[in-house]
Protein backbone atom coordinates (compact mmCIF):
# COMPACT_ATOMS: atom_id res chain seq x y z
CA MET A 1 -97.51 -4.96 21.05
CA PRO A 2 -96.86 -7.14 24.12
CA ASN A 3 -99.21 -7.59 27.03
CA PHE A 4 -97.64 -5.29 29.59
CA VAL A 5 -97.29 -6.46 33.17
CA PRO A 6 -96.99 -4.57 36.48
CA VAL A 7 -93.56 -3.49 37.73
CA VAL A 8 -92.66 -4.24 41.35
CA TYR A 9 -89.70 -3.59 43.60
CA SER A 10 -87.53 -6.42 44.88
CA ASN A 11 -89.64 -6.54 48.05
CA GLY A 12 -92.82 -7.04 46.04
CA ALA A 13 -94.18 -3.51 46.53
CA ALA A 14 -95.84 -1.90 43.53
CA VAL A 15 -93.91 0.69 41.53
CA LEU A 16 -96.38 3.56 41.13
CA ARG A 17 -96.56 6.39 38.65
CA SER A 18 -96.33 10.01 39.74
CA ASP A 19 -100.05 10.06 40.57
CA GLY A 20 -99.29 7.70 43.45
CA LYS A 21 -102.13 5.38 42.42
CA THR A 22 -101.46 3.79 39.03
CA GLN A 23 -98.91 0.98 38.88
CA ARG A 24 -96.17 1.25 36.29
CA VAL A 25 -96.02 -1.45 33.62
CA ALA A 26 -93.42 -2.89 31.25
CA CYS A 27 -92.97 -5.81 28.89
CA PRO A 28 -92.66 -9.12 30.79
CA PRO A 29 -88.86 -9.48 30.43
CA LEU A 30 -88.16 -5.93 31.61
CA ALA A 31 -90.52 -6.27 34.57
CA GLN A 32 -88.71 -9.42 35.67
CA TRP A 33 -85.29 -7.87 35.07
CA LEU A 34 -86.13 -4.68 36.98
CA GLN A 35 -87.02 -6.65 40.09
CA ALA A 36 -83.60 -8.34 40.02
CA TYR A 37 -81.82 -5.05 39.32
CA ASP A 38 -83.61 -3.36 42.20
CA ALA A 39 -82.50 -6.18 44.50
CA LEU A 40 -78.93 -5.63 43.34
CA GLN A 41 -79.07 -1.91 44.13
CA VAL A 42 -80.48 -2.57 47.58
CA PHE A 43 -77.75 -5.14 48.13
CA ARG A 44 -75.17 -2.56 47.09
CA GLY A 45 -76.51 -0.09 49.68
CA ARG A 46 -78.04 2.35 47.19
CA GLY A 47 -81.66 1.71 48.13
CA HIS A 48 -84.58 1.01 45.83
CA VAL A 49 -84.57 2.37 42.29
CA THR A 50 -86.45 5.64 41.71
CA TYR A 51 -88.43 5.45 38.46
CA TYR A 52 -89.33 8.38 36.22
CA GLN A 53 -90.81 6.48 33.29
CA THR A 54 -91.45 2.93 32.11
CA GLN A 55 -93.94 2.19 29.34
CA GLY A 56 -96.44 4.70 28.03
CA THR A 57 -96.03 7.58 30.45
CA GLY A 58 -96.07 10.11 27.65
CA VAL A 59 -92.80 12.01 28.06
CA ALA A 60 -92.32 13.82 24.73
CA ALA A 61 -88.52 14.12 24.99
CA SER A 62 -88.17 10.35 25.03
CA GLY A 63 -89.85 9.95 21.64
CA PRO A 64 -91.18 6.46 20.90
CA THR A 65 -88.43 4.55 22.72
CA HIS A 66 -90.74 3.57 25.59
CA ASP A 67 -93.73 2.53 23.47
CA CYS A 68 -92.84 -1.15 23.22
CA GLY A 69 -92.35 -1.57 26.96
CA SER A 70 -88.64 -2.47 27.04
CA ALA A 71 -87.25 0.88 28.21
CA ASP A 72 -87.31 2.80 31.47
CA ASP A 73 -85.94 6.03 32.91
CA THR A 74 -84.64 6.25 36.47
CA GLU A 75 -82.91 8.60 38.86
CA TYR A 76 -79.15 8.88 38.36
CA THR A 77 -77.19 7.69 41.40
CA CYS A 78 -73.68 6.90 40.15
CA ASP A 79 -71.85 5.44 37.19
CA ALA A 80 -71.27 2.23 39.11
CA ALA A 81 -75.04 1.62 39.07
CA ILE A 82 -75.00 2.07 35.29
CA MET A 83 -72.21 -0.48 35.05
CA ASP A 84 -74.30 -2.89 37.14
CA ALA A 85 -77.10 -2.60 34.58
CA ARG A 86 -74.70 -3.11 31.69
CA GLU A 87 -73.24 -6.18 33.38
CA MET A 88 -76.81 -7.49 33.59
CA GLY A 89 -77.28 -7.17 29.83
CA ALA A 90 -79.03 -3.81 29.65
CA VAL A 91 -78.20 -0.76 27.54
CA GLN A 92 -78.02 2.25 29.86
CA TRP A 93 -76.76 5.82 29.71
CA HIS A 94 -76.72 8.87 31.94
CA ARG A 95 -78.61 11.75 30.32
CA ILE A 96 -76.91 14.97 31.42
CA PRO A 97 -78.71 18.22 30.50
CA GLY A 98 -76.86 20.16 27.82
CA ARG A 99 -74.37 17.39 27.04
CA ASP A 100 -73.85 14.95 24.16
CA GLY A 101 -77.09 15.73 22.38
CA TRP A 102 -79.41 15.80 25.41
CA PRO A 103 -81.16 19.22 25.63
CA SER A 104 -80.29 21.58 28.48
CA SER A 105 -83.98 21.64 29.37
CA GLY A 106 -84.09 17.87 29.68
CA ALA A 107 -84.13 16.00 32.98
CA ASN A 108 -80.98 14.60 34.56
CA HIS A 109 -81.65 10.86 34.59
CA ASN A 110 -80.67 7.39 33.40
CA HIS A 111 -82.18 5.97 30.23
CA ARG A 112 -82.18 2.20 29.84
CA VAL A 113 -83.22 -0.29 27.17
CA LEU A 114 -83.34 -4.03 27.75
CA PRO A 115 -82.56 -6.16 24.67
CA CYS A 116 -85.25 -8.77 25.11
CA GLY A 117 -87.18 -9.23 21.88
CA TYR A 118 -89.63 -6.38 22.60
CA ASN A 119 -87.46 -3.77 20.94
CA SER A 120 -89.30 -2.66 17.81
CA CYS A 121 -89.33 0.93 19.13
CA ASN A 122 -85.73 1.16 20.35
CA GLN A 123 -83.55 -1.35 18.48
CA TYR A 124 -81.55 1.54 17.00
CA GLN A 125 -80.40 2.46 20.51
CA ILE A 126 -79.19 -1.09 21.15
CA ASP A 127 -77.27 -0.99 17.88
CA ALA A 128 -75.79 2.40 18.80
CA TYR A 129 -74.67 1.11 22.22
CA LEU A 130 -72.92 -1.90 20.70
CA ALA A 131 -71.17 0.47 18.29
CA GLY A 132 -69.98 2.70 21.13
CA TYR A 133 -72.48 5.57 20.95
CA ASN A 134 -74.93 7.17 23.36
CA GLY A 135 -78.30 6.45 21.75
CA LEU A 136 -79.25 10.07 21.00
CA GLY A 137 -79.68 11.84 17.67
CA GLY A 138 -79.78 10.27 14.24
CA GLY A 139 -79.31 6.54 14.52
CA GLY A 140 -78.55 7.02 18.20
CA ARG A 141 -75.09 8.33 17.36
CA ALA A 142 -75.04 11.93 18.57
CA ALA A 143 -71.95 11.33 20.70
CA ARG A 144 -69.61 8.59 21.85
CA ASP A 145 -70.54 6.58 24.90
CA ARG A 146 -68.56 7.94 27.86
CA LEU A 147 -68.57 4.63 29.78
CA PRO A 148 -67.15 1.26 28.73
CA ARG A 149 -69.12 -1.82 27.84
CA PRO A 150 -68.49 -4.98 29.87
CA SER A 151 -66.15 -7.54 28.37
CA VAL A 152 -69.10 -9.97 28.38
CA ILE A 153 -72.40 -8.89 26.76
CA ARG A 154 -75.04 -10.98 28.53
CA THR A 155 -78.63 -11.70 27.63
CA TRP A 156 -81.19 -10.35 30.07
CA GLN A 157 -81.69 -13.86 31.47
CA GLN A 158 -77.95 -14.28 31.98
CA GLY A 159 -77.88 -10.86 33.59
CA ILE A 160 -80.44 -11.86 36.19
CA ALA A 161 -78.50 -15.04 36.92
CA TRP A 162 -75.28 -13.01 37.22
CA ALA A 163 -76.85 -10.59 39.71
CA GLN A 164 -78.30 -13.41 41.78
CA ALA A 165 -74.95 -15.19 41.86
CA GLN A 166 -73.16 -11.99 42.87
CA MET A 167 -75.58 -11.28 45.70
CA GLY A 168 -75.25 -14.83 46.91
CA ALA A 169 -71.46 -14.57 46.78
CA GLY A 170 -71.30 -11.45 48.96
CA PRO A 171 -69.49 -8.33 47.70
CA MET A 172 -70.36 -7.30 44.16
CA THR A 173 -67.89 -7.95 41.37
CA GLN A 174 -67.73 -6.93 37.75
CA THR A 175 -66.66 -9.11 34.83
CA THR A 176 -63.42 -10.72 35.98
CA GLN A 177 -60.16 -10.96 34.09
CA GLU A 178 -57.60 -13.73 34.19
CA ASP A 179 -55.38 -13.66 37.28
CA ASP A 180 -51.77 -13.90 36.12
CA MET A 181 -50.21 -14.05 39.60
CA THR A 182 -48.61 -17.17 41.02
CA PRO A 183 -50.09 -18.76 44.17
CA ASP A 184 -47.15 -17.43 46.17
CA GLN A 185 -47.71 -13.90 44.86
CA ASP A 186 -51.42 -14.20 45.60
CA ALA A 187 -50.66 -15.23 49.18
CA ARG A 188 -48.21 -12.36 49.70
CA LEU A 189 -50.63 -9.83 48.20
CA ALA A 190 -53.41 -11.17 50.43
CA ARG A 191 -51.25 -10.50 53.48
CA ILE A 192 -50.52 -6.99 52.20
CA GLU A 193 -54.21 -6.34 51.65
CA GLN A 194 -55.05 -7.53 55.15
CA THR A 195 -52.48 -5.14 56.59
CA LEU A 196 -53.78 -2.23 54.51
CA ALA A 197 -57.36 -3.08 55.45
CA ALA A 198 -56.48 -3.02 59.13
CA LEU A 199 -54.78 0.37 58.74
CA ALA A 200 -57.72 1.78 56.74
CA HIS A 201 -60.41 0.38 59.01
CA GLN A 202 -61.01 3.69 60.78
CA GLN A 203 -61.07 5.76 57.60
CA GLN A 204 -64.06 6.49 55.38
CA THR A 205 -62.32 8.34 52.54
CA VAL A 206 -60.90 6.63 49.49
CA LYS A 207 -57.14 6.44 49.10
CA ARG A 208 -55.16 5.30 46.09
CA LEU A 209 -52.19 3.24 47.24
CA THR A 210 -49.35 1.49 45.51
CA VAL A 211 -49.18 -2.04 46.91
CA VAL A 212 -45.58 -3.08 47.53
CA ASP A 213 -44.38 -6.60 48.17
CA PRO A 214 -42.47 -6.43 51.48
CA THR A 215 -40.20 -9.25 50.37
CA THR A 216 -39.08 -7.89 47.00
CA LYS A 217 -39.83 -4.21 47.72
CA LYS A 218 -41.42 -4.05 44.26
CA PRO A 219 -44.90 -2.75 43.38
CA VAL A 220 -47.42 -5.54 42.83
CA GLY A 221 -50.50 -3.46 42.04
CA ILE A 222 -52.68 -0.49 42.78
CA ALA A 223 -55.32 -0.52 45.53
CA LEU A 224 -58.28 1.66 46.41
CA VAL A 225 -58.80 1.58 50.17
CA ALA A 226 -61.85 2.76 52.11
CA GLY A 227 -63.40 1.75 55.37
CA GLY A 228 -61.24 -1.35 55.71
CA LYS A 229 -61.96 -2.60 52.19
CA VAL A 230 -59.12 -2.97 49.72
CA MET A 231 -59.85 -3.06 46.00
CA PRO A 232 -56.81 -4.15 43.93
CA ALA A 233 -56.72 -2.96 40.31
CA PRO A 234 -54.22 -3.19 37.45
CA ASP A 235 -52.36 -0.01 36.57
CA GLN A 236 -54.02 0.36 33.17
CA GLN A 237 -57.50 0.45 34.75
CA THR A 238 -56.73 2.71 37.69
CA ILE A 239 -57.77 5.92 35.94
CA ASP A 240 -61.14 4.50 34.90
CA ALA A 241 -61.68 2.97 38.33
CA LEU A 242 -61.02 6.26 40.07
CA ALA A 243 -63.24 8.13 37.60
CA TRP A 244 -66.16 5.76 38.26
CA ALA A 245 -65.55 5.96 42.00
CA GLN A 246 -65.57 9.75 41.92
CA SER A 247 -68.89 9.68 40.07
CA CYS A 248 -70.42 8.09 43.16
CA ALA A 249 -68.75 10.52 45.53
CA ASP A 250 -70.05 13.47 47.50
CA GLY A 251 -67.49 16.20 48.03
CA GLY A 252 -64.72 14.12 46.52
CA GLN A 253 -65.32 11.18 48.86
CA ILE A 254 -67.20 7.93 48.41
CA GLY A 255 -69.08 5.66 50.77
CA THR A 256 -67.61 2.21 51.27
CA ASN A 257 -70.92 0.58 50.33
CA GLN A 258 -70.54 1.96 46.79
CA LEU A 259 -67.14 0.48 46.06
CA GLY A 260 -67.70 -3.26 46.06
CA TRP A 261 -68.05 -3.51 42.29
CA ILE A 262 -64.36 -2.58 41.83
CA THR A 263 -63.16 -5.63 43.76
CA ASN A 264 -62.90 -7.84 40.69
CA MET A 265 -60.13 -5.89 39.00
CA GLN A 266 -57.14 -8.00 38.05
CA LYS A 267 -54.12 -7.91 40.33
CA GLY A 268 -51.24 -6.23 38.56
CA VAL A 269 -47.71 -7.61 38.65
């Protein structure tokens, strides 16, 4: 059993248990990772993470998965936040009451495991995630995972470095794909995006637009536009992109500060 260490927010404040006095603890890698993840969420405009459980808080429904200190449960905000965690090397799912093996009496929350070497109590969930399952039931395979895994599976150390690099670079991006556009096409699409951004600047709702090259009059991609931000995406990923965006939405709309992670998507030609 590892020597557990205190968990803190990205601003250094202590993460307290529900009694408001006792500081939450985790294994050393998870404690370090959580601070970086919290910084990422603040950077993305979602605020600090709300914790329900880290190590040893005695929630029966979680079984032994938290005993070794490498798992935590948090408030669900949106699927994009789950994808952030996955990009950072974590295994994370949304537990929805009454769905996919999670009991209807269970809490609506995120469950996360960090592959870090302190996984004697939850390795089966890591294995289930890599096989495309949701970590519940026998062998963690009660149902298929409803979200995709990143194209790059990072270690927790690489995940921290990725998050730090993304925050330093400005708007968040997910794992990038190869850009198959020519420099001339890139330049023309950039001009189109600037025009669309100017038109969308006064709007706060998300719109799905077909981006058309004004020279050839042919479609060059799909864009999500909100609040002056244009997020190009290839046709084959549009459905998933819109589904993730809607998961962050209130009343069918989404705040612009929750869309930055889509900006990486490959430009379609």
